[in-house]
C-alpha atoms as a PDB file:
ATOM      1  CA  UNK A   1     -17.356 -32.288  29.550  1.00  0.00           C
ATOM      2  CA  UNK A   2     -15.376 -31.775  32.766  1.00  0.00           C
ATOM      3  CA  UNK A   3     -12.453 -33.806  31.409  1.00  0.00           C
ATOM      4  CA  UNK A   4     -12.068 -31.451  28.469  1.00  0.00           C
ATOM      5  CA  UNK A   5     -12.096 -28.423  30.731  1.00  0.00           C
ATOM      6  CA  UNK A   6      -9.452 -29.923  32.978  1.00  0.00           C
ATOM      7  CA  UNK A   7      -7.214 -30.495  29.958  1.00  0.00           C
ATOM      8  CA  UNK A   8      -7.598 -26.910  28.830  1.00  0.00           C
ATOM      9  CA  UNK A   9      -6.688 -25.627  32.268  1.00  0.00           C
ATOM     10  CA  UNK A  10      -3.600 -27.810  32.467  1.00  0.00           C
ATOM     11  CA  UNK A  11      -2.463 -26.661  28.996  1.00  0.00           C
ATOM     12  CA  UNK A  12      -2.882 -23.025  29.953  1.00  0.00           C
ATOM     13  CA  UNK A  13      -0.947 -23.665  33.165  1.00  0.00           C
ATOM     14  CA  UNK A  14       1.827 -25.394  31.239  1.00  0.00           C
ATOM     15  CA  UNK A  15       2.171 -22.412  28.902  1.00  0.00           C
ATOM     16  CA  UNK A  16       2.467 -19.990  31.819  1.00  0.00           C
ATOM     17  CA  UNK A  17       5.087 -22.194  33.430  1.00  0.00           C
ATOM     18  CA  UNK A  18       7.525 -21.162  30.720  1.00  0.00           C
ATOM     19  CA  UNK A  19       7.327 -24.142  28.414  1.00  0.00           C
ATOM     20  CA  UNK A  20       7.983 -23.090  24.818  1.00  0.00           C
ATOM     21  CA  UNK A  21       4.941 -22.942  22.568  1.00  0.00           C
ATOM     22  CA  UNK A  22       5.094 -24.384  19.056  1.00  0.00           C
ATOM     23  CA  UNK A  23       6.157 -21.739  16.577  1.00  0.00           C
ATOM     24  CA  UNK A  24       4.376 -21.349  13.276  1.00  0.00           C
ATOM     25  CA  UNK A  25       6.650 -21.482  10.227  1.00  0.00           C
ATOM     26  CA  UNK A  26       7.280 -18.068   8.698  1.00  0.00           C
ATOM     27  CA  UNK A  27       6.286 -17.937   5.019  1.00  0.00           C
ATOM     28  CA  UNK A  28       9.086 -16.913   2.680  1.00  0.00           C
ATOM     29  CA  UNK A  29       8.784 -13.484   1.118  1.00  0.00           C
ATOM     30  CA  UNK A  30       9.032 -13.144  -2.649  1.00  0.00           C
ATOM     31  CA  UNK A  31      12.449 -11.939  -3.799  1.00  0.00           C
ATOM     32  CA  UNK A  32      12.826  -8.169  -3.876  1.00  0.00           C
ATOM     33  CA  UNK A  33      13.303  -6.428  -7.212  1.00  0.00           C
ATOM     34  CA  UNK A  34      16.510  -4.359  -7.099  1.00  0.00           C
ATOM     35  CA  UNK A  35      15.974  -0.610  -6.991  1.00  0.00           C
ATOM     36  CA  UNK A  36      18.028  -0.032 -10.147  1.00  0.00           C
ATOM     37  CA  UNK A  37      15.726  -2.382 -12.087  1.00  0.00           C
ATOM     38  CA  UNK A  38      12.632  -0.480 -10.916  1.00  0.00           C
ATOM     39  CA  UNK A  39      14.230   2.860 -11.830  1.00  0.00           C
ATOM     40  CA  UNK A  40      15.226   1.583 -15.280  1.00  0.00           C
ATOM     41  CA  UNK A  41      11.673   0.359 -15.910  1.00  0.00           C
ATOM     42  CA  UNK A  42      10.353   3.791 -14.950  1.00  0.00           C
ATOM     43  CA  UNK A  43      12.849   5.520 -17.252  1.00  0.00           C
ATOM     44  CA  UNK A  44      11.804   3.275 -20.163  1.00  0.00           C
ATOM     45  CA  UNK A  45       8.138   4.047 -19.479  1.00  0.00           C
ATOM     46  CA  UNK A  46       8.872   7.794 -19.449  1.00  0.00           C
ATOM     47  CA  UNK A  47      10.779   7.545 -22.732  1.00  0.00           C
ATOM     48  CA  UNK A  48       7.848   5.673 -24.291  1.00  0.00           C
ATOM     49  CA  UNK A  49       5.490   8.449 -23.149  1.00  0.00           C
ATOM     50  CA  UNK A  50       7.719  11.033 -24.844  1.00  0.00           C
ATOM     51  CA  UNK A  51       8.017   8.913 -28.019  1.00  0.00           C
ATOM     52  CA  UNK A  52       4.228   8.448 -28.279  1.00  0.00           C
ATOM     53  CA  UNK A  53       3.569  12.155 -27.736  1.00  0.00           C
ATOM     54  CA  UNK A  54       1.687  11.731 -24.447  1.00  0.00           C
ATOM     55  CA  UNK A  55       4.034  14.363 -23.016  1.00  0.00           C
ATOM     56  CA  UNK A  56       6.063  16.906 -24.941  1.00  0.00           C
ATOM     57  CA  UNK A  57       9.397  16.383 -23.179  1.00  0.00           C
ATOM     58  CA  UNK A  58      11.023  15.501 -19.878  1.00  0.00           C
ATOM     59  CA  UNK A  59      10.147  18.941 -18.524  1.00  0.00           C
ATOM     60  CA  UNK A  60       6.460  18.002 -18.874  1.00  0.00           C
ATOM     61  CA  UNK A  61       7.156  14.789 -16.963  1.00  0.00           C
ATOM     62  CA  UNK A  62       8.912  16.782 -14.236  1.00  0.00           C
ATOM     63  CA  UNK A  63       5.937  19.099 -13.908  1.00  0.00           C
ATOM     64  CA  UNK A  64       3.566  16.151 -13.671  1.00  0.00           C
ATOM     65  CA  UNK A  65       5.732  14.496 -11.012  1.00  0.00           C
END
């Protein structure tokens, strides 16, 4: 049991002495969707709402927004 404790102390000392710690790999982020694509999707959704009669016109959409 003492041996294990001595190892832990020496590792902690080594870290404080300025030795670099192992870095964890950074996971890659999923690719971002361009803003124009998101805005176009929203415009298509709004047009569908007008076509289906969920809202009367774009003025109704503006009031809801």
